[in-house]
């Protein structure tokens, strides 16, 4: 029975579709196999640089193997030399072993095997064929893969030296004819040379992909980083505004409790509210500190006299509630510490809070966290010890950003705390190290010891609440924060006047000019409608009538804006949420000289 033309076409079309499906399936399957082979050895590795090195090593091994399988049969057919066949088999075998070595997590050994195999192969084939294939330009390939398969700088230097040595060896071999060359006719020589060049170009194309992607992403990353900085600044500022309200209310209630014994029943709750605010402020500060470190800025240190015993008792007491919930005890031990030392207490607060929070988070339930503060002749130490072990593979990287021990299931965190601690300790001229063994982890901080005077601390405490009849002019757009700030000041016998933005503040100052009565200090918020803090500050310092009035900035932003406003003439900067002690300390410092300045 004869088939019609239409049936024949339908059959051919069906066969063609079936063939296309088979080819598509094989392509997908092949791509999947290659993807799996390229990722051999990366299991359990979180270091992105190391993962990239492993994948590139496997990729090059596969590309070199594929190129040899195409080129080798042709070369052997053209030469018929057994030495060529043996060399090809040996190279293919060693090249394939790279994947096996990576499979057993010997990443450095795999990369070194791949690299030195190419050095030997280039030397061998160049000496065997002489000037026919001219593989010296393969040295460019060797140099280009150094940074792609090695993260260690020492290995990079070693391999760069090996590449130079290979080139020198080949040149000497050409010059002195160390090995008798294989004789081939012109056409065979041209074919071998062309295939060698094509193979090298394929390898260079494989190697160039990361560099091409890096160049393409460069400007996108710049824009993304700029966006990230703006986003972080805006979000942290917006978080600090409501946090400032909660924190100021808690401080005012805490002070009322001290004056009214009937309110002591709620003191534990207020203490926990203050602790929660401090913890939230610590998280925000960590984020801003990370952005500051990424920008290459150093921490600004401000030393002041303080009592270490009281400081660490407050630090530990603030964490007892959280520790109690987890069934963990806190044990503070202090020995040989001076009664008063000079230190940056804000930086110490973040260092101590991060270490203690970390210890509580990763301690075994029912255990004890020990905080040992010990003085010495020229330095003092903070030792935080808890039950719980950091996994050995994470320990060398524990101070890197975004490193967490995932072996501790259920533990939250972004891995920023210890990174911030190390940078702050270093900025303070100290050092930090960690030891984790026998199910115990110990962090040790060493800091320079600067002795202070008791009279400095006592004088500060006396002066804090001694601001009678001081007039403070406030510019703050958040109504609740402005009212609370004025309440703070009125409780300390200050007279506060509130304005909603910079323009209203300037208008109020013009009214004071007419009555010959100017404020002693101006408190200026950073972000306000109509006229922001920076513009207001610039106008104040440009006006001879107002330039000597001390301006205290309040801001929720990071270091760069703080430096800018100080450079523009601000007397001081207070970062939200506002601490009452810090606020009164700053005001007393600048009010003291305000009258003399205004008479100039």
Foldseek 3Di string as FASTA:
>chain_A
DDDDPVVVVVVVVVVVVVVVVVVVVVVVVVVVVLVVLLQAQCPPPPPPLQSQLSSLLSVLLVLVLVLCVVQLVLLCVQQVDPVSVVLSVVLNVLSVCLSVCSNVNVLVVSNVSSLVSVLVVLLVVCLAAPPLQPCLCCLVVSLLCLSRNDPDPVSNVVSNVSSVVSSVSSVVCNVVSPDPYRDGDPVSSNVSNVSSVVSSVVSVVSSCVVVVVCVVCVVVVVVVLVVVQVVLQVVLQVVQVVLLLQLLVLVVVLVVCVVDVVPVVCVVVSLLSNLVSVVVVLVSVLVQLVNCVVVVHADDWDKAKDAPVVLVVSLQVSCQVVLVVLQEAEAEEEEPDDRIFIGRSVLVSLLSNLLVVVQSLFADHNYYWYWYWYDDDWKIKTKIKGFAFADPVQQVVLLPFQRDRVVDPPRDDRSRSSVSNQRSLVSQVKHWHWDGDPRMIMIMIMHTTGGDDPVRVVVLVVQLLADAAAEEEEADQDPSSQVSVQVLQVVSNYHYDYDHALVVSVVVQVVCVVVVDDGQAYEAEADGPPHGRQRSLLVQCVDPQRNLRAYEYEGSGHDVVQVVSVVSRHPYYHYGSDDSSVVSSSCSVRSVCSVVSNVD
